[in-house]
């Protein structure tokens, strides 16, 4: 939140990861530090598992034992479900990248950056 408050001269922000919780996004919008807010999630365990096993979650996939990856998959899945539920509860648009055309999402990001 402080990063956005300290850089409020920028027009748009795209923040990746779990750096902003849904409640914080609502606070920023209420402080007029964001007009369009939405959260992207992925609730497909198979895709999450592929990501974790090929590139890793908290580090490179080959830098730690495979027995930890199942826990990472479960953590990532539960976080995505939680983000989706909380965002919808607060009225924040939620885009599940598993169920939405990725091209339209890329177009939306491009529009925000232009």
N, C-alpha and C. Protein backbone atom coordinates (compact mmCIF):
# COMPACT_ATOMS: atom_id res chain seq x y z
N UNK A 1 0.83 -1.19 0.00
CA UNK A 1 0.00 0.00 0.00
C UNK A 1 0.88 1.25 0.00
N UNK A 2 1.94 1.24 0.82
CA UNK A 2 2.79 2.43 0.89
C UNK A 2 3.50 2.67 -0.44
N UNK A 3 3.82 1.62 -1.18
CA UNK A 3 4.45 1.80 -2.50
C UNK A 3 3.55 2.63 -3.41
N UNK A 4 2.27 2.32 -3.43
CA UNK A 4 1.33 3.06 -4.28
C UNK A 4 1.14 4.46 -3.74
N UNK A 5 1.01 4.61 -2.44
CA UNK A 5 0.85 5.94 -1.86
C UNK A 5 2.06 6.82 -2.14
N UNK A 6 3.26 6.23 -2.11
CA UNK A 6 4.48 7.00 -2.36
C UNK A 6 4.71 7.29 -3.84
N UNK A 7 4.03 6.58 -4.71
CA UNK A 7 4.19 6.76 -6.15
C UNK A 7 2.87 7.08 -6.82
N UNK A 8 2.08 7.94 -6.19
CA UNK A 8 0.74 8.22 -6.70
C UNK A 8 0.73 9.08 -7.96
N UNK A 9 1.90 9.41 -8.48
CA UNK A 9 1.98 10.16 -9.73
C UNK A 9 1.87 9.24 -10.95
N UNK A 10 1.93 7.93 -10.73
CA UNK A 10 1.77 6.99 -11.84
C UNK A 10 0.30 6.84 -12.15
N UNK A 11 -0.01 6.59 -13.41
CA UNK A 11 -1.41 6.43 -13.80
C UNK A 11 -1.96 5.06 -13.45
N UNK A 12 -1.16 4.02 -13.63
CA UNK A 12 -1.65 2.65 -13.47
C UNK A 12 -0.64 1.80 -12.73
N UNK A 13 -1.14 0.78 -12.09
CA UNK A 13 -0.31 -0.17 -11.38
C UNK A 13 -0.80 -1.57 -11.73
N UNK A 14 0.11 -2.44 -12.03
CA UNK A 14 -0.20 -3.86 -12.16
C UNK A 14 0.74 -4.55 -11.18
N UNK A 15 0.15 -5.15 -10.16
CA UNK A 15 0.96 -5.76 -9.11
C UNK A 15 0.71 -7.25 -9.12
N UNK A 16 1.78 -8.01 -9.22
CA UNK A 16 1.71 -9.46 -9.33
C UNK A 16 1.95 -10.09 -7.96
N UNK A 17 1.28 -11.20 -7.74
CA UNK A 17 1.50 -11.93 -6.51
C UNK A 17 0.46 -11.60 -5.46
N UNK A 18 0.78 -11.90 -4.23
CA UNK A 18 -0.16 -11.69 -3.14
C UNK A 18 0.22 -10.45 -2.33
N UNK A 19 0.81 -9.46 -3.02
CA UNK A 19 1.29 -8.26 -2.35
C UNK A 19 0.20 -7.36 -1.83
N UNK A 20 -0.98 -7.42 -2.40
CA UNK A 20 -2.10 -6.59 -1.94
C UNK A 20 -3.30 -7.48 -1.66
N UNK A 21 -3.79 -7.41 -0.47
CA UNK A 21 -4.98 -8.16 -0.12
C UNK A 21 -6.22 -7.43 -0.62
N UNK A 22 -7.32 -8.13 -0.82
CA UNK A 22 -8.53 -7.48 -1.33
C UNK A 22 -8.97 -6.27 -0.49
N UNK A 23 -8.88 -6.38 0.83
CA UNK A 23 -9.27 -5.26 1.68
C UNK A 23 -8.41 -4.02 1.41
N UNK A 24 -7.12 -4.24 1.14
CA UNK A 24 -6.21 -3.13 0.84
C UNK A 24 -6.58 -2.48 -0.48
N UNK A 25 -6.99 -3.27 -1.45
CA UNK A 25 -7.42 -2.70 -2.73
C UNK A 25 -8.62 -1.79 -2.55
N UNK A 26 -9.56 -2.20 -1.71
CA UNK A 26 -10.73 -1.36 -1.44
C UNK A 26 -10.29 -0.06 -0.76
N UNK A 27 -9.37 -0.13 0.19
CA UNK A 27 -8.86 1.07 0.85
C UNK A 27 -8.23 2.02 -0.17
N UNK A 28 -7.41 1.48 -1.07
CA UNK A 28 -6.75 2.31 -2.08
C UNK A 28 -7.77 2.95 -3.01
N UNK A 29 -8.78 2.20 -3.40
CA UNK A 29 -9.82 2.75 -4.27
C UNK A 29 -10.56 3.87 -3.54
N UNK A 30 -10.86 3.67 -2.26
CA UNK A 30 -11.55 4.69 -1.48
C UNK A 30 -10.69 5.94 -1.28
N UNK A 31 -9.38 5.79 -1.35
CA UNK A 31 -8.46 6.93 -1.24
C UNK A 31 -8.17 7.54 -2.61
N UNK A 32 -8.95 7.13 -3.61
CA UNK A 32 -8.79 7.61 -4.99
C UNK A 32 -7.41 7.30 -5.57
N UNK A 33 -6.86 6.16 -5.20
CA UNK A 33 -5.57 5.74 -5.74
C UNK A 33 -5.73 4.59 -6.72
N UNK A 34 -6.92 4.45 -7.27
CA UNK A 34 -7.16 3.40 -8.24
C UNK A 34 -8.59 3.47 -8.75
N UNK A 35 -8.75 3.55 -10.06
CA UNK A 35 -10.09 3.60 -10.63
C UNK A 35 -10.60 2.21 -10.97
N UNK A 36 -9.76 1.43 -11.61
CA UNK A 36 -10.16 0.10 -12.04
C UNK A 36 -9.31 -0.91 -11.29
N UNK A 37 -9.98 -1.72 -10.51
CA UNK A 37 -9.24 -2.76 -9.78
C UNK A 37 -9.86 -4.11 -10.10
N UNK A 38 -9.01 -5.08 -10.22
CA UNK A 38 -9.48 -6.45 -10.40
C UNK A 38 -8.37 -7.38 -9.95
N UNK A 39 -8.75 -8.60 -9.64
CA UNK A 39 -7.79 -9.59 -9.17
C UNK A 39 -7.87 -10.79 -10.10
N UNK A 40 -6.71 -11.27 -10.51
CA UNK A 40 -6.62 -12.48 -11.32
C UNK A 40 -6.26 -13.64 -10.40
N UNK A 41 -6.97 -14.73 -10.57
CA UNK A 41 -6.69 -15.94 -9.80
C UNK A 41 -6.63 -17.12 -10.75
N UNK A 42 -6.14 -18.24 -10.24
CA UNK A 42 -6.19 -19.49 -11.00
C UNK A 42 -6.59 -20.58 -10.02
N UNK A 43 -7.77 -21.13 -10.21
CA UNK A 43 -8.28 -22.14 -9.28
C UNK A 43 -8.21 -23.55 -9.86
N UNK A 44 -7.36 -23.74 -10.87
CA UNK A 44 -7.20 -25.06 -11.47
C UNK A 44 -5.97 -25.73 -10.86
N UNK A 45 -6.21 -26.75 -10.04
CA UNK A 45 -5.12 -27.44 -9.34
C UNK A 45 -4.10 -28.04 -10.31
N UNK A 46 -4.57 -28.56 -11.45
CA UNK A 46 -3.64 -29.16 -12.40
C UNK A 46 -2.65 -28.14 -12.94
N UNK A 47 -3.15 -26.96 -13.30
CA UNK A 47 -2.26 -25.91 -13.81
C UNK A 47 -1.33 -25.43 -12.71
N UNK A 48 -1.85 -25.25 -11.50
CA UNK A 48 -1.01 -24.85 -10.37
C UNK A 48 0.09 -25.89 -10.15
N UNK A 49 -0.27 -27.15 -10.20
CA UNK A 49 0.71 -28.22 -10.01
C UNK A 49 1.78 -28.19 -11.10
N UNK A 50 1.38 -27.98 -12.35
CA UNK A 50 2.36 -27.89 -13.44
C UNK A 50 3.33 -26.74 -13.20
N UNK A 51 2.82 -25.61 -12.76
CA UNK A 51 3.68 -24.45 -12.50
C UNK A 51 4.67 -24.76 -11.38
N UNK A 52 4.16 -25.30 -10.29
CA UNK A 52 5.02 -25.61 -9.14
C UNK A 52 6.09 -26.62 -9.52
N UNK A 53 5.71 -27.66 -10.26
CA UNK A 53 6.67 -28.72 -10.58
C UNK A 53 7.66 -28.34 -11.69
N UNK A 54 7.32 -27.34 -12.51
CA UNK A 54 8.25 -26.96 -13.57
C UNK A 54 9.09 -25.74 -13.22
N UNK A 55 8.52 -24.77 -12.54
CA UNK A 55 9.32 -23.58 -12.24
C UNK A 55 9.47 -23.31 -10.76
N UNK A 56 8.67 -23.98 -9.92
CA UNK A 56 8.74 -23.76 -8.48
C UNK A 56 7.82 -22.64 -8.05
N UNK A 57 7.64 -22.53 -6.76
CA UNK A 57 6.78 -21.47 -6.23
C UNK A 57 7.59 -20.48 -5.42
N UNK A 58 8.32 -20.96 -4.42
CA UNK A 58 9.12 -20.08 -3.58
C UNK A 58 10.60 -20.12 -3.93
N UNK A 59 10.92 -20.86 -4.97
CA UNK A 59 12.29 -20.98 -5.44
C UNK A 59 12.27 -21.84 -6.69
N UNK A 60 13.40 -21.99 -7.34
CA UNK A 60 13.47 -22.82 -8.53
C UNK A 60 13.06 -24.25 -8.23
N UNK A 61 12.29 -24.86 -9.12
CA UNK A 61 11.72 -26.19 -8.88
C UNK A 61 12.78 -27.24 -8.58
N UNK A 62 13.97 -27.08 -9.13
CA UNK A 62 15.01 -28.09 -8.93
C UNK A 62 15.88 -27.81 -7.71
N UNK A 63 15.55 -26.76 -6.96
CA UNK A 63 16.39 -26.38 -5.82
C UNK A 63 15.91 -26.95 -4.50
N UNK A 64 14.78 -27.68 -4.52
CA UNK A 64 14.29 -28.25 -3.27
C UNK A 64 13.55 -29.56 -3.57
N UNK A 65 13.36 -30.40 -2.56
CA UNK A 65 12.80 -31.74 -2.78
C UNK A 65 11.35 -31.73 -3.28
N UNK A 66 11.03 -32.74 -4.07
CA UNK A 66 9.68 -32.86 -4.64
C UNK A 66 8.61 -33.05 -3.58
N UNK A 67 8.95 -33.62 -2.43
CA UNK A 67 7.92 -33.86 -1.43
C UNK A 67 7.33 -32.56 -0.86
N UNK A 68 8.00 -31.45 -1.04
CA UNK A 68 7.46 -30.16 -0.61
C UNK A 68 6.49 -29.57 -1.63
N UNK A 69 6.57 -29.99 -2.86
CA UNK A 69 5.78 -29.39 -3.93
C UNK A 69 4.27 -29.62 -3.74
N UNK A 70 3.89 -30.78 -3.21
CA UNK A 70 2.46 -31.03 -2.96
C UNK A 70 1.90 -30.01 -1.97
N UNK A 71 2.69 -29.66 -0.97
CA UNK A 71 2.26 -28.65 0.00
C UNK A 71 2.16 -27.28 -0.66
N UNK A 72 3.10 -26.97 -1.54
CA UNK A 72 3.04 -25.69 -2.26
C UNK A 72 1.81 -25.62 -3.16
N UNK A 73 1.51 -26.71 -3.84
CA UNK A 73 0.32 -26.74 -4.71
C UNK A 73 -0.92 -26.46 -3.88
N UNK A 74 -1.04 -27.13 -2.75
CA UNK A 74 -2.22 -26.94 -1.89
C UNK A 74 -2.29 -25.52 -1.37
N UNK A 75 -1.15 -24.97 -0.95
CA UNK A 75 -1.12 -23.58 -0.46
C UNK A 75 -1.56 -22.62 -1.55
N UNK A 76 -0.99 -22.77 -2.75
CA UNK A 76 -1.32 -21.86 -3.85
C UNK A 76 -2.80 -21.98 -4.23
N UNK A 77 -3.30 -23.20 -4.27
CA UNK A 77 -4.71 -23.40 -4.59
C UNK A 77 -5.60 -22.71 -3.55
N UNK A 78 -5.32 -22.96 -2.27
CA UNK A 78 -6.15 -22.36 -1.21
C UNK A 78 -6.07 -20.84 -1.22
N UNK A 79 -4.88 -20.29 -1.48
CA UNK A 79 -4.75 -18.83 -1.55
C UNK A 79 -5.57 -18.26 -2.71
N UNK A 80 -5.54 -18.92 -3.86
CA UNK A 80 -6.33 -18.46 -5.00
C UNK A 80 -7.82 -18.52 -4.69
N UNK A 81 -8.27 -19.60 -4.07
CA UNK A 81 -9.69 -19.71 -3.70
C UNK A 81 -10.05 -18.62 -2.69
N UNK A 82 -9.19 -18.37 -1.72
CA UNK A 82 -9.45 -17.34 -0.72
C UNK A 82 -9.52 -15.95 -1.38
N UNK A 83 -8.54 -15.65 -2.25
CA UNK A 83 -8.55 -14.36 -2.94
C UNK A 83 -9.83 -14.19 -3.75
N UNK A 84 -10.24 -15.24 -4.43
CA UNK A 84 -11.45 -15.17 -5.25
C UNK A 84 -12.67 -14.91 -4.37
N UNK A 85 -12.80 -15.66 -3.29
CA UNK A 85 -13.95 -15.52 -2.39
C UNK A 85 -13.99 -14.13 -1.76
N UNK A 86 -12.86 -13.66 -1.24
CA UNK A 86 -12.81 -12.36 -0.59
C UNK A 86 -13.05 -11.22 -1.57
N UNK A 87 -12.48 -11.34 -2.76
CA UNK A 87 -12.67 -10.30 -3.76
C UNK A 87 -14.13 -10.19 -4.17
N UNK A 88 -14.75 -11.33 -4.40
CA UNK A 88 -16.16 -11.32 -4.78
C UNK A 88 -17.02 -10.79 -3.64
N UNK A 89 -16.69 -11.13 -2.41
CA UNK A 89 -17.43 -10.63 -1.25
C UNK A 89 -17.36 -9.11 -1.16
N UNK A 90 -16.21 -8.55 -1.52
CA UNK A 90 -16.01 -7.10 -1.44
C UNK A 90 -16.42 -6.36 -2.72
N UNK A 91 -16.89 -7.11 -3.71
CA UNK A 91 -17.33 -6.48 -4.95
C UNK A 91 -16.21 -6.15 -5.92
N UNK A 92 -15.06 -6.79 -5.75
CA UNK A 92 -13.94 -6.58 -6.67
C UNK A 92 -14.07 -7.59 -7.80
N UNK A 93 -13.94 -7.11 -9.02
CA UNK A 93 -14.00 -8.03 -10.15
C UNK A 93 -12.90 -9.07 -10.01
N UNK A 94 -13.27 -10.31 -10.23
CA UNK A 94 -12.32 -11.41 -10.12
C UNK A 94 -12.27 -12.14 -11.45
N UNK A 95 -11.07 -12.29 -11.97
CA UNK A 95 -10.87 -12.98 -13.24
C UNK A 95 -10.13 -14.26 -12.96
N UNK A 96 -10.81 -15.39 -13.18
CA UNK A 96 -10.15 -16.68 -13.03
C UNK A 96 -9.52 -17.00 -14.38
N UNK A 97 -8.20 -16.94 -14.45
CA UNK A 97 -7.54 -17.09 -15.74
C UNK A 97 -7.75 -18.46 -16.34
N UNK A 98 -8.22 -19.40 -15.53
CA UNK A 98 -8.54 -20.72 -16.07
C UNK A 98 -9.80 -20.67 -16.93
N UNK A 99 -10.73 -19.79 -16.59
CA UNK A 99 -12.03 -19.80 -17.27
C UNK A 99 -12.22 -18.61 -18.20
N UNK A 100 -11.22 -17.78 -18.36
CA UNK A 100 -11.36 -16.59 -19.21
C UNK A 100 -10.31 -16.65 -20.32
N UNK A 101 -10.67 -16.15 -21.45
CA UNK A 101 -9.77 -16.11 -22.59
C UNK A 101 -8.55 -15.26 -22.24
N UNK A 102 -7.37 -15.86 -22.29
CA UNK A 102 -6.14 -15.17 -21.91
C UNK A 102 -5.85 -13.98 -22.82
N UNK A 103 -6.28 -14.05 -24.09
CA UNK A 103 -6.06 -12.93 -25.00
C UNK A 103 -6.79 -11.68 -24.54
N UNK A 104 -8.02 -11.85 -24.03
CA UNK A 104 -8.76 -10.68 -23.55
C UNK A 104 -8.11 -10.09 -22.30
N UNK A 105 -7.49 -10.94 -21.49
CA UNK A 105 -6.79 -10.45 -20.32
C UNK A 105 -5.55 -9.66 -20.72
N UNK A 106 -4.82 -10.14 -21.70
CA UNK A 106 -3.64 -9.42 -22.19
C UNK A 106 -4.05 -8.08 -22.78
N UNK A 107 -5.15 -8.05 -23.53
CA UNK A 107 -5.65 -6.78 -24.08
C UNK A 107 -6.00 -5.80 -22.96
N UNK A 108 -6.58 -6.30 -21.90
CA UNK A 108 -6.95 -5.43 -20.78
C UNK A 108 -5.71 -4.84 -20.11
N UNK A 109 -4.69 -5.67 -19.90
CA UNK A 109 -3.43 -5.15 -19.34
C UNK A 109 -2.82 -4.11 -20.26
N UNK A 110 -2.81 -4.38 -21.56
CA UNK A 110 -2.25 -3.44 -22.53
C UNK A 110 -2.99 -2.10 -22.47
N UNK A 111 -4.30 -2.16 -22.34
CA UNK A 111 -5.10 -0.93 -22.25
C UNK A 111 -4.73 -0.15 -21.00
N UNK A 112 -4.55 -0.84 -19.88
CA UNK A 112 -4.17 -0.16 -18.64
C UNK A 112 -2.81 0.49 -18.75
N UNK A 113 -1.91 -0.12 -19.52
CA UNK A 113 -0.55 0.41 -19.63
C UNK A 113 -0.41 1.51 -20.67
N UNK A 114 -1.40 1.65 -21.54
CA UNK A 114 -1.26 2.66 -22.61
C UNK A 114 -1.65 4.05 -22.15
